Amino acid sequence: IGSSVYAGQINKAVRQYCSANLAALQQKQLGLFVCCGQPEKAMSQLELGFPEELVQSALIKGYFGYQLDMKKLNLLERLIVRALGRHKDELEIKHAAIESFADSFV
């Protein structure tokens, strides 16, 4: 189960799904991942965003990078992103991390 991180939070629908299905999800072998533009905060955002019980029972946790498309942001969002030091479109996908994550389930 994964989510992008937006303003320091994982997607609300993902968070709600995990909370509503926590008991069933804890019975599965699953991994959790995030995609965000601040790699140094990725694991803390994952741990704070998903239910604690789910984080503890996850087989693996991962960070897969991010894609920043400034054209899709509104003015306030662009200002926030610029305050974080980003000024242009960026793409940094961690393909090796994705492959390693997937291999954990083989």
C-alpha atoms as a PDB file:
ATOM      1  CA  ILE A   1       0.000   0.000   0.000  1.00  0.00           C
ATOM      2  CA  GLY A   2       1.444   3.342  -0.915  1.00  0.00           C
ATOM      3  CA  SER A   3       0.764   7.013  -1.135  1.00  0.00           C
ATOM      4  CA  SER A   4       2.239  10.256  -2.230  1.00  0.00           C
ATOM      5  CA  VAL A   5       2.972  12.710   0.553  1.00  0.00           C
ATOM      6  CA  TYR A   6       1.319  16.074   0.160  1.00  0.00           C
ATOM      7  CA  ALA A   7       1.958  18.850   2.678  1.00  0.00           C
ATOM      8  CA  GLY A   8       3.498  16.271   5.017  1.00  0.00           C
ATOM      9  CA  GLN A   9       0.506  13.912   4.905  1.00  0.00           C
ATOM     10  CA  ILE A  10      -0.274  10.734   3.011  1.00  0.00           C
ATOM     11  CA  ASN A  11      -3.407  10.687   0.864  1.00  0.00           C
ATOM     12  CA  LYS A  12      -6.562  10.959   2.990  1.00  0.00           C
ATOM     13  CA  ALA A  13      -8.374   8.164   1.104  1.00  0.00           C
ATOM     14  CA  VAL A  14      -5.413   5.794   1.630  1.00  0.00           C
ATOM     15  CA  ARG A  15      -5.282   6.645   5.326  1.00  0.00           C
ATOM     16  CA  GLN A  16      -9.039   6.091   5.697  1.00  0.00           C
ATOM     17  CA  TYR A  17      -8.899   2.791   3.806  1.00  0.00           C
ATOM     18  CA  CYS A  18      -6.105   1.497   6.036  1.00  0.00           C
ATOM     19  CA  SER A  19      -7.906   2.520   9.210  1.00  0.00           C
ATOM     20  CA  ALA A  20     -11.221   1.019   8.082  1.00  0.00           C
ATOM     21  CA  ASN A  21      -9.592  -2.285   7.057  1.00  0.00           C
ATOM     22  CA  LEU A  22      -6.851  -2.493   9.676  1.00  0.00           C
ATOM     23  CA  ALA A  23      -7.710  -5.939  11.051  1.00  0.00           C
ATOM     24  CA  ALA A  24      -7.884  -7.537   7.595  1.00  0.00           C
ATOM     25  CA  LEU A  25      -4.711  -5.799   6.404  1.00  0.00           C
ATOM     26  CA  GLN A  26      -2.762  -6.965   9.443  1.00  0.00           C
ATOM     27  CA  GLN A  27      -3.472 -10.550   8.366  1.00  0.00           C
ATOM     28  CA  LYS A  28      -1.771  -9.976   4.999  1.00  0.00           C
ATOM     29  CA  GLN A  29       1.860  -9.881   4.004  1.00  0.00           C
ATOM     30  CA  LEU A  30       2.114  -6.310   2.866  1.00  0.00           C
ATOM     31  CA  GLY A  31       4.519  -3.484   2.398  1.00  0.00           C
ATOM     32  CA  LEU A  32       4.071   0.229   2.800  1.00  0.00           C
ATOM     33  CA  PHE A  33       5.689   2.922   0.681  1.00  0.00           C
ATOM     34  CA  VAL A  34       5.634   6.653   0.113  1.00  0.00           C
ATOM     35  CA  CYS A  35       6.637   8.978  -2.684  1.00  0.00           C
ATOM     36  CA  CYS A  36       7.702  12.437  -1.578  1.00  0.00           C
ATOM     37  CA  GLY A  37      10.106  15.232  -2.397  1.00  0.00           C
ATOM     38  CA  GLN A  38      11.891  15.164   0.948  1.00  0.00           C
ATOM     39  CA  PRO A  39      13.737  11.825   1.146  1.00  0.00           C
ATOM     40  CA  GLU A  40      15.142  12.611   4.586  1.00  0.00           C
ATOM     41  CA  LYS A  41      11.578  12.745   5.955  1.00  0.00           C
ATOM     42  CA  ALA A  42      10.084   9.866   3.963  1.00  0.00           C
ATOM     43  CA  MET A  43      10.190   7.185   6.654  1.00  0.00           C
ATOM     44  CA  SER A  44       8.898   9.468   9.384  1.00  0.00           C
ATOM     45  CA  GLN A  45       6.045  10.565   7.104  1.00  0.00           C
ATOM     46  CA  LEU A  46       5.261   6.915   6.374  1.00  0.00           C
ATOM     47  CA  GLU A  47       5.269   6.028  10.072  1.00  0.00           C
ATOM     48  CA  LEU A  48       3.085   9.000  10.998  1.00  0.00           C
ATOM     49  CA  GLY A  49       0.716   8.635   8.047  1.00  0.00           C
ATOM     50  CA  PHE A  50      -0.245   4.982   8.272  1.00  0.00           C
ATOM     51  CA  PRO A  51      -1.825   3.408  11.374  1.00  0.00           C
ATOM     52  CA  GLU A  52       0.880   2.417  13.870  1.00  0.00           C
ATOM     53  CA  GLU A  53      -0.279  -1.209  13.983  1.00  0.00           C
ATOM     54  CA  LEU A  54      -0.026  -1.466  10.213  1.00  0.00           C
ATOM     55  CA  VAL A  55       3.461   0.054  10.176  1.00  0.00           C
ATOM     56  CA  GLN A  56       4.581  -2.489  12.789  1.00  0.00           C
ATOM     57  CA  SER A  57       3.147  -5.445  10.890  1.00  0.00           C
ATOM     58  CA  ALA A  58       4.428  -4.385   7.434  1.00  0.00           C
ATOM     59  CA  LEU A  59       6.889  -6.813   5.864  1.00  0.00           C
ATOM     60  CA  ILE A  60       8.810  -3.943   4.276  1.00  0.00           C
ATOM     61  CA  LYS A  61       8.696  -0.158   4.117  1.00  0.00           C
ATOM     62  CA  GLY A  62       9.980   1.871   1.198  1.00  0.00           C
ATOM     63  CA  TYR A  63      10.601   5.242  -0.371  1.00  0.00           C
ATOM     64  CA  PHE A  64      10.251   5.416  -4.154  1.00  0.00           C
ATOM     65  CA  GLY A  65      11.205   8.996  -4.992  1.00  0.00           C
ATOM     66  CA  TYR A  66       8.943  11.646  -6.451  1.00  0.00           C
ATOM     67  CA  GLN A  67       7.784  13.604  -9.450  1.00  0.00           C
ATOM     68  CA  LEU A  68       7.141  17.320  -9.127  1.00  0.00           C
ATOM     69  CA  ASP A  69       5.062  18.913 -11.867  1.00  0.00           C
ATOM     70  CA  MET A  70       4.881  22.625 -11.056  1.00  0.00           C
ATOM     71  CA  LYS A  71       2.216  23.179 -13.745  1.00  0.00           C
ATOM     72  CA  LYS A  72      -0.269  21.059 -11.773  1.00  0.00           C
ATOM     73  CA  LEU A  73       0.087  23.117  -8.596  1.00  0.00           C
ATOM     74  CA  ASN A  74      -2.040  26.104  -7.690  1.00  0.00           C
ATOM     75  CA  LEU A  75      -0.443  29.382  -6.605  1.00  0.00           C
ATOM     76  CA  LEU A  76      -0.388  28.557  -2.887  1.00  0.00           C
ATOM     77  CA  GLU A  77       1.073  25.114  -3.559  1.00  0.00           C
ATOM     78  CA  ARG A  78       3.794  26.611  -5.784  1.00  0.00           C
ATOM     79  CA  LEU A  79       4.692  29.085  -3.034  1.00  0.00           C
ATOM     80  CA  ILE A  80       4.994  26.273  -0.504  1.00  0.00           C
ATOM     81  CA  VAL A  81       7.108  24.180  -2.871  1.00  0.00           C
ATOM     82  CA  ARG A  82       9.373  27.152  -3.587  1.00  0.00           C
ATOM     83  CA  ALA A  83       9.780  27.743   0.153  1.00  0.00           C
ATOM     84  CA  LEU A  84      11.082  24.153   0.307  1.00  0.00           C
ATOM     85  CA  GLY A  85      13.728  25.038  -2.272  1.00  0.00           C
ATOM     86  CA  ARG A  86      12.105  23.599  -5.393  1.00  0.00           C
ATOM     87  CA  HIS A  87      11.740  25.922  -8.385  1.00  0.00           C
ATOM     88  CA  LYS A  88      11.181  23.688 -11.406  1.00  0.00           C
ATOM     89  CA  ASP A  89       9.752  20.365 -12.492  1.00  0.00           C
ATOM     90  CA  GLU A  90      11.745  17.487 -11.036  1.00  0.00           C
ATOM     91  CA  LEU A  91      11.735  13.732 -11.449  1.00  0.00           C
ATOM     92  CA  GLU A  92      13.586  11.336  -9.204  1.00  0.00           C
ATOM     93  CA  ILE A  93      12.141   7.829  -9.287  1.00  0.00           C
ATOM     94  CA  LYS A  94      14.025   5.161  -7.292  1.00  0.00           C
ATOM     95  CA  HIS A  95      13.691   2.211  -9.672  1.00  0.00           C
ATOM     96  CA  ALA A  96      16.101  -0.004  -7.714  1.00  0.00           C
ATOM     97  CA  ALA A  97      14.119   0.601  -4.520  1.00  0.00           C
ATOM     98  CA  ILE A  98      10.892  -0.352  -6.299  1.00  0.00           C
ATOM     99  CA  GLU A  99      12.442  -3.575  -7.628  1.00  0.00           C
ATOM    100  CA  SER A 100      13.894  -4.495  -4.245  1.00  0.00           C
ATOM    101  CA  PHE A 101      10.532  -3.803  -2.580  1.00  0.00           C
ATOM    102  CA  ALA A 102       8.719  -6.039  -5.088  1.00  0.00           C
ATOM    103  CA  ASP A 103      11.338  -8.799  -4.749  1.00  0.00           C
ATOM    104  CA  SER A 104      10.534  -8.991  -1.026  1.00  0.00           C
ATOM    105  CA  PHE A 105       7.242 -10.648  -1.934  1.00  0.00           C
ATOM    106  CA  VAL A 106       8.589 -13.337  -4.261  1.00  0.00           C
END
